[in-house]
Amino acid sequence: KVDAATDAAPVYYMINCAHPTHFK
Protein backbone atom coordinates (compact mmCIF):
# COMPACT_ATOMS: atom_id res chain seq x y z
CA LYS A 1 0.00 0.00 0.00
CA VAL A 2 2.79 2.44 0.84
CA ASP A 3 4.66 1.61 -2.36
CA ALA A 4 1.51 2.01 -4.46
CA ALA A 5 0.62 5.37 -2.89
CA THR A 6 4.13 6.83 -3.09
CA ASP A 7 5.58 5.30 -6.26
CA ALA A 8 7.86 3.25 -3.98
CA ALA A 9 9.33 6.35 -2.35
CA PRO A 10 10.88 4.60 0.69
CA VAL A 11 14.35 3.30 -0.13
CA TYR A 12 13.60 0.27 2.06
CA TYR A 13 11.42 -1.06 4.85
CA MET A 14 12.15 -2.39 8.31
CA ILE A 15 10.37 -4.21 11.12
CA ASN A 16 10.86 -3.08 14.71
CA CYS A 17 9.49 -3.38 18.25
CA ALA A 18 8.46 -7.03 17.93
CA HIS A 19 10.24 -10.30 18.64
CA PRO A 20 11.32 -12.42 15.63
CA THR A 21 8.89 -15.15 16.69
CA HIS A 22 6.05 -12.68 16.17
CA PHE A 23 6.74 -12.03 12.50
CA LYS A 24 8.96 -14.75 11.05
PDB file of all heavy atoms in Angstrom:
ATOM      1  N   LYS A   1       0.821  -1.208   0.000  1.00  0.00           N
ATOM      2  CA  LYS A   1       0.000   0.000   0.000  1.00  0.00           C
ATOM      3  C   LYS A   1       0.859   1.264   0.000  1.00  0.00           C
ATOM      4  O   LYS A   1       0.559   2.230  -0.706  1.00  0.00           O
ATOM      5  CB  LYS A   1      -0.944  -0.006   1.196  1.00  0.00           C
ATOM      6  CG  LYS A   1      -2.105  -0.978   1.067  1.00  0.00           C
ATOM      7  CD  LYS A   1      -2.985  -0.960   2.311  1.00  0.00           C
ATOM      8  CE  LYS A   1      -4.147  -1.942   2.188  1.00  0.00           C
ATOM      9  NZ  LYS A   1      -4.989  -1.956   3.422  1.00  0.00           N
ATOM     10  N   VAL A   2       1.909   1.269   0.812  1.00  0.00           N
ATOM     11  CA  VAL A   2       2.791   2.440   0.841  1.00  0.00           C
ATOM     12  C   VAL A   2       3.492   2.608  -0.500  1.00  0.00           C
ATOM     13  O   VAL A   2       3.566   3.715  -1.052  1.00  0.00           O
ATOM     14  CB  VAL A   2       3.822   2.341   1.986  1.00  0.00           C
ATOM     15  CG1 VAL A   2       4.814   3.504   1.916  1.00  0.00           C
ATOM     16  CG2 VAL A   2       3.119   2.341   3.343  1.00  0.00           C
ATOM     17  N   ASP A   3       3.992   1.531  -1.053  1.00  0.00           N
ATOM     18  CA  ASP A   3       4.658   1.610  -2.357  1.00  0.00           C
ATOM     19  C   ASP A   3       3.708   2.099  -3.446  1.00  0.00           C
ATOM     20  O   ASP A   3       4.074   2.934  -4.291  1.00  0.00           O
ATOM     21  CB  ASP A   3       5.239   0.248  -2.742  1.00  0.00           C
ATOM     22  CG  ASP A   3       6.642   0.028  -2.204  1.00  0.00           C
ATOM     23  OD1 ASP A   3       7.229   0.989  -1.665  1.00  0.00           O
ATOM     24  OD2 ASP A   3       7.168  -1.094  -2.326  1.00  0.00           O
ATOM     25  N   ALA A   4       2.472   1.614  -3.434  1.00  0.00           N
ATOM     26  CA  ALA A   4       1.509   2.010  -4.456  1.00  0.00           C
ATOM     27  C   ALA A   4       1.142   3.485  -4.334  1.00  0.00           C
ATOM     28  O   ALA A   4       0.978   4.180  -5.341  1.00  0.00           O
ATOM     29  CB  ALA A   4       0.249   1.147  -4.348  1.00  0.00           C
ATOM     30  N   ALA A   5       1.035   3.978  -3.105  1.00  0.00           N
ATOM     31  CA  ALA A   5       0.617   5.366  -2.886  1.00  0.00           C
ATOM     32  C   ALA A   5       1.740   6.368  -3.098  1.00  0.00           C
ATOM     33  O   ALA A   5       1.488   7.559  -3.317  1.00  0.00           O
ATOM     34  CB  ALA A   5       0.053   5.523  -1.472  1.00  0.00           C
ATOM     35  N   THR A   6       2.992   5.902  -3.036  1.00  0.00           N
ATOM     36  CA  THR A   6       4.128   6.826  -3.085  1.00  0.00           C
ATOM     37  C   THR A   6       5.065   6.570  -4.258  1.00  0.00           C
ATOM     38  O   THR A   6       6.148   7.161  -4.313  1.00  0.00           O
ATOM     39  CB  THR A   6       4.954   6.718  -1.790  1.00  0.00           C
ATOM     40  OG1 THR A   6       5.531   5.401  -1.711  1.00  0.00           O
ATOM     41  CG2 THR A   6       4.104   6.985  -0.556  1.00  0.00           C
ATOM     42  N   ASP A   7       4.670   5.707  -5.185  1.00  0.00           N
ATOM     43  CA  ASP A   7       5.580   5.295  -6.260  1.00  0.00           C
ATOM     44  C   ASP A   7       6.877   4.736  -5.686  1.00  0.00           C
ATOM     45  O   ASP A   7       7.977   5.047  -6.148  1.00  0.00           O
ATOM     46  CB  ASP A   7       5.883   6.466  -7.208  1.00  0.00           C
ATOM     47  CG  ASP A   7       4.653   6.920  -7.973  1.00  0.00           C
ATOM     48  OD1 ASP A   7       3.814   6.067  -8.310  1.00  0.00           O
ATOM     49  OD2 ASP A   7       4.522   8.138  -8.204  1.00  0.00           O
ATOM     50  N   ALA A   8       6.724   3.916  -4.634  1.00  0.00           N
ATOM     51  CA  ALA A   8       7.863   3.253  -3.978  1.00  0.00           C
ATOM     52  C   ALA A   8       8.902   4.252  -3.487  1.00  0.00           C
ATOM     53  O   ALA A   8      10.109   4.067  -3.675  1.00  0.00           O
ATOM     54  CB  ALA A   8       8.495   2.220  -4.901  1.00  0.00           C
ATOM     55  N   ALA A   9       8.419   5.311  -2.826  1.00  0.00           N
ATOM     56  CA  ALA A   9       9.327   6.353  -2.345  1.00  0.00           C
ATOM     57  C   ALA A   9      10.310   5.870  -1.279  1.00  0.00           C
ATOM     58  O   ALA A   9      11.485   6.255  -1.305  1.00  0.00           O
ATOM     59  CB  ALA A   9       8.534   7.548  -1.824  1.00  0.00           C
ATOM     60  N   PRO A  10       9.900   5.052  -0.303  1.00  0.00           N
ATOM     61  CA  PRO A  10      10.882   4.599   0.694  1.00  0.00           C
ATOM     62  C   PRO A  10      12.009   3.799   0.029  1.00  0.00           C
ATOM     63  O   PRO A  10      11.758   2.961  -0.837  1.00  0.00           O
ATOM     64  CB  PRO A  10      10.056   3.705   1.634  1.00  0.00           C
ATOM     65  CG  PRO A  10       8.651   4.174   1.468  1.00  0.00           C
ATOM     66  CD  PRO A  10       8.535   4.565   0.025  1.00  0.00           C
ATOM     67  N   VAL A  11      13.232   4.043   0.458  1.00  0.00           N
ATOM     68  CA  VAL A  11      14.347   3.298  -0.127  1.00  0.00           C
ATOM     69  C   VAL A  11      14.349   1.851   0.369  1.00  0.00           C
ATOM     70  O   VAL A  11      14.852   0.961  -0.307  1.00  0.00           O
ATOM     71  CB  VAL A  11      15.708   3.965   0.173  1.00  0.00           C
ATOM     72  CG1 VAL A  11      15.861   5.246  -0.622  1.00  0.00           C
ATOM     73  CG2 VAL A  11      15.879   4.237   1.658  1.00  0.00           C
ATOM     74  N   TYR A  12      13.798   1.632   1.564  1.00  0.00           N
ATOM     75  CA  TYR A  12      13.604   0.274   2.059  1.00  0.00           C
ATOM     76  C   TYR A  12      12.662   0.304   3.254  1.00  0.00           C
ATOM     77  O   TYR A  12      12.286   1.373   3.754  1.00  0.00           O
ATOM     78  CB  TYR A  12      14.928  -0.410   2.426  1.00  0.00           C
ATOM     79  CG  TYR A  12      15.785   0.275   3.472  1.00  0.00           C
ATOM     80  CD1 TYR A  12      15.605   0.033   4.831  1.00  0.00           C
ATOM     81  CD2 TYR A  12      16.829   1.126   3.092  1.00  0.00           C
ATOM     82  CE1 TYR A  12      16.410   0.632   5.784  1.00  0.00           C
ATOM     83  CE2 TYR A  12      17.637   1.726   4.035  1.00  0.00           C
ATOM     84  CZ  TYR A  12      17.424   1.483   5.386  1.00  0.00           C
ATOM     85  OH  TYR A  12      18.220   2.089   6.318  1.00  0.00           O
ATOM     86  N   TYR A  13      12.300  -0.906   3.696  1.00  0.00           N
ATOM     87  CA  TYR A  13      11.420  -1.055   4.853  1.00  0.00           C
ATOM     88  C   TYR A  13      12.144  -1.821   5.952  1.00  0.00           C
ATOM     89  O   TYR A  13      13.117  -2.537   5.702  1.00  0.00           O
ATOM     90  CB  TYR A  13      10.146  -1.805   4.466  1.00  0.00           C
ATOM     91  CG  TYR A  13       9.234  -1.011   3.564  1.00  0.00           C
ATOM     92  CD1 TYR A  13       9.391  -1.061   2.174  1.00  0.00           C
ATOM     93  CD2 TYR A  13       8.234  -0.196   4.082  1.00  0.00           C
ATOM     94  CE1 TYR A  13       8.574  -0.326   1.340  1.00  0.00           C
ATOM     95  CE2 TYR A  13       7.407   0.542   3.246  1.00  0.00           C
ATOM     96  CZ  TYR A  13       7.580   0.475   1.877  1.00  0.00           C
ATOM     97  OH  TYR A  13       6.768   1.212   1.046  1.00  0.00           O
ATOM     98  N   MET A  14      11.617  -1.664   7.170  1.00  0.00           N
ATOM     99  CA  MET A  14      12.150  -2.388   8.314  1.00  0.00           C
ATOM    100  C   MET A  14      10.985  -2.901   9.159  1.00  0.00           C
ATOM    101  O   MET A  14       9.839  -2.503   8.972  1.00  0.00           O
ATOM    102  CB  MET A  14      13.038  -1.470   9.163  1.00  0.00           C
ATOM    103  CG  MET A  14      14.249  -0.918   8.438  1.00  0.00           C
ATOM    104  SD  MET A  14      15.226   0.210   9.470  1.00  0.00           S
ATOM    105  CE  MET A  14      15.801  -0.894  10.751  1.00  0.00           C
ATOM    106  N   ILE A  15      11.314  -3.764  10.096  1.00  0.00           N
ATOM    107  CA  ILE A  15      10.372  -4.210  11.123  1.00  0.00           C
ATOM    108  C   ILE A  15      11.028  -3.951  12.472  1.00  0.00           C
ATOM    109  O   ILE A  15      12.208  -4.269  12.662  1.00  0.00           O
ATOM    110  CB  ILE A  15      10.043  -5.709  10.985  1.00  0.00           C
ATOM    111  CG1 ILE A  15       9.452  -6.003   9.606  1.00  0.00           C
ATOM    112  CG2 ILE A  15       9.075  -6.153  12.089  1.00  0.00           C
ATOM    113  CD1 ILE A  15       9.318  -7.494   9.315  1.00  0.00           C
ATOM    114  N   ASN A  16      10.282  -3.347  13.398  1.00  0.00           N
ATOM    115  CA  ASN A  16      10.858  -3.081  14.711  1.00  0.00           C
ATOM    116  C   ASN A  16       9.820  -3.270  15.817  1.00  0.00           C
ATOM    117  O   ASN A  16       8.620  -3.375  15.565  1.00  0.00           O
ATOM    118  CB  ASN A  16      11.468  -1.681  14.793  1.00  0.00           C
ATOM    119  CG  ASN A  16      10.454  -0.594  15.069  1.00  0.00           C
ATOM    120  OD1 ASN A  16       9.647  -0.260  14.207  1.00  0.00           O
ATOM    121  ND2 ASN A  16      10.484  -0.032  16.265  1.00  0.00           N
ATOM    122  N   CYS A  17      10.309  -3.306  17.037  1.00  0.00           N
ATOM    123  CA  CYS A  17       9.487  -3.381  18.248  1.00  0.00           C
ATOM    124  C   CYS A  17       8.577  -4.610  18.252  1.00  0.00           C
ATOM    125  O   CYS A  17       7.398  -4.531  18.602  1.00  0.00           O
ATOM    126  CB  CYS A  17       8.671  -2.105  18.437  1.00  0.00           C
ATOM    127  SG  CYS A  17       8.328  -1.770  20.197  1.00  0.00           S
ATOM    128  N   ALA A  18       9.132  -5.738  17.858  1.00  0.00           N
ATOM    129  CA  ALA A  18       8.458  -7.029  17.926  1.00  0.00           C
ATOM    130  C   ALA A  18       9.540  -8.104  17.946  1.00  0.00           C
ATOM    131  O   ALA A  18      10.627  -7.905  17.397  1.00  0.00           O
ATOM    132  CB  ALA A  18       7.529  -7.237  16.734  1.00  0.00           C
ATOM    133  N   HIS A  19       9.264  -9.213  18.585  1.00  0.00           N
ATOM    134  CA  HIS A  19      10.240 -10.305  18.639  1.00  0.00           C
ATOM    135  C   HIS A  19      10.191 -11.096  17.334  1.00  0.00           C
ATOM    136  O   HIS A  19       9.131 -11.198  16.702  1.00  0.00           O
ATOM    137  CB  HIS A  19       9.914 -11.222  19.822  1.00  0.00           C
ATOM    138  CG  HIS A  19      10.991 -12.183  20.150  1.00  0.00           C
ATOM    139  ND1 HIS A  19      11.014 -13.477  19.648  1.00  0.00           N
ATOM    140  CD2 HIS A  19      12.112 -12.063  20.917  1.00  0.00           C
ATOM    141  CE1 HIS A  19      12.088 -14.098  20.103  1.00  0.00           C
ATOM    142  NE2 HIS A  19      12.769 -13.273  20.869  1.00  0.00           N
ATOM    143  N   PRO A  20      11.320 -11.653  16.887  1.00  0.00           N
ATOM    144  CA  PRO A  20      11.316 -12.421  15.632  1.00  0.00           C
ATOM    145  C   PRO A  20      10.252 -13.513  15.569  1.00  0.00           C
ATOM    146  O   PRO A  20       9.725 -13.801  14.487  1.00  0.00           O
ATOM    147  CB  PRO A  20      12.732 -13.012  15.586  1.00  0.00           C
ATOM    148  CG  PRO A  20      13.577 -12.003  16.301  1.00  0.00           C
ATOM    149  CD  PRO A  20      12.705 -11.502  17.418  1.00  0.00           C
ATOM    150  N   THR A  21       9.920 -14.114  16.706  1.00  0.00           N
ATOM    151  CA  THR A  21       8.894 -15.152  16.686  1.00  0.00           C
ATOM    152  C   THR A  21       7.514 -14.596  16.351  1.00  0.00           C
ATOM    153  O   THR A  21       6.613 -15.348  15.980  1.00  0.00           O
ATOM    154  CB  THR A  21       8.817 -15.873  18.050  1.00  0.00           C
ATOM    155  OG1 THR A  21       8.570 -14.907  19.093  1.00  0.00           O
ATOM    156  CG2 THR A  21      10.106 -16.614  18.344  1.00  0.00           C
ATOM    157  N   HIS A  22       7.346 -13.285  16.477  1.00  0.00           N
ATOM    158  CA  HIS A  22       6.054 -12.675  16.166  1.00  0.00           C
ATOM    159  C   HIS A  22       5.836 -12.488  14.664  1.00  0.00           C
ATOM    160  O   HIS A  22       4.692 -12.441  14.220  1.00  0.00           O
ATOM    161  CB  HIS A  22       5.942 -11.302  16.850  1.00  0.00           C
ATOM    162  CG  HIS A  22       6.010 -11.360  18.339  1.00  0.00           C
ATOM    163  ND1 HIS A  22       6.199 -10.241  19.117  1.00  0.00           N
ATOM    164  CD2 HIS A  22       5.930 -12.415  19.201  1.00  0.00           C
ATOM    165  CE1 HIS A  22       6.233 -10.589  20.396  1.00  0.00           C
ATOM    166  NE2 HIS A  22       6.087 -11.905  20.468  1.00  0.00           N
ATOM    167  N   PHE A  23       6.923 -12.361  13.920  1.00  0.00           N
ATOM    168  CA  PHE A  23       6.740 -12.028  12.499  1.00  0.00           C
ATOM    169  C   PHE A  23       7.436 -12.956  11.514  1.00  0.00           C
ATOM    170  O   PHE A  23       7.258 -12.819  10.308  1.00  0.00           O
ATOM    171  CB  PHE A  23       7.185 -10.583  12.226  1.00  0.00           C
ATOM    172  CG  PHE A  23       8.610 -10.260  12.612  1.00  0.00           C
ATOM    173  CD1 PHE A  23       9.670 -10.606  11.792  1.00  0.00           C
ATOM    174  CD2 PHE A  23       8.893  -9.581  13.788  1.00  0.00           C
ATOM    175  CE1 PHE A  23      10.979 -10.294  12.134  1.00  0.00           C
ATOM    176  CE2 PHE A  23      10.200  -9.252  14.144  1.00  0.00           C
ATOM    177  CZ  PHE A  23      11.236  -9.616  13.323  1.00  0.00           C
ATOM    178  N   LYS A  24       8.200 -13.922  11.997  1.00  0.00           N
ATOM    179  CA  LYS A  24       8.957 -14.755  11.053  1.00  0.00           C
ATOM    180  C   LYS A  24       8.034 -15.519  10.103  1.00  0.00           C
ATOM    181  O   LYS A  24       8.351 -15.694   8.926  1.00  0.00           O
ATOM    182  CB  LYS A  24       9.884 -15.706  11.797  1.00  0.00           C
ATOM    183  CG  LYS A  24       9.168 -16.786  12.601  1.00  0.00           C
ATOM    184  CD  LYS A  24      10.170 -17.769  13.193  1.00  0.00           C
ATOM    185  CE  LYS A  24       9.427 -18.897  13.927  1.00  0.00           C
ATOM    186  NZ  LYS A  24      10.378 -19.902  14.454  1.00  0.00           N
TER     187      LYS A  24
END
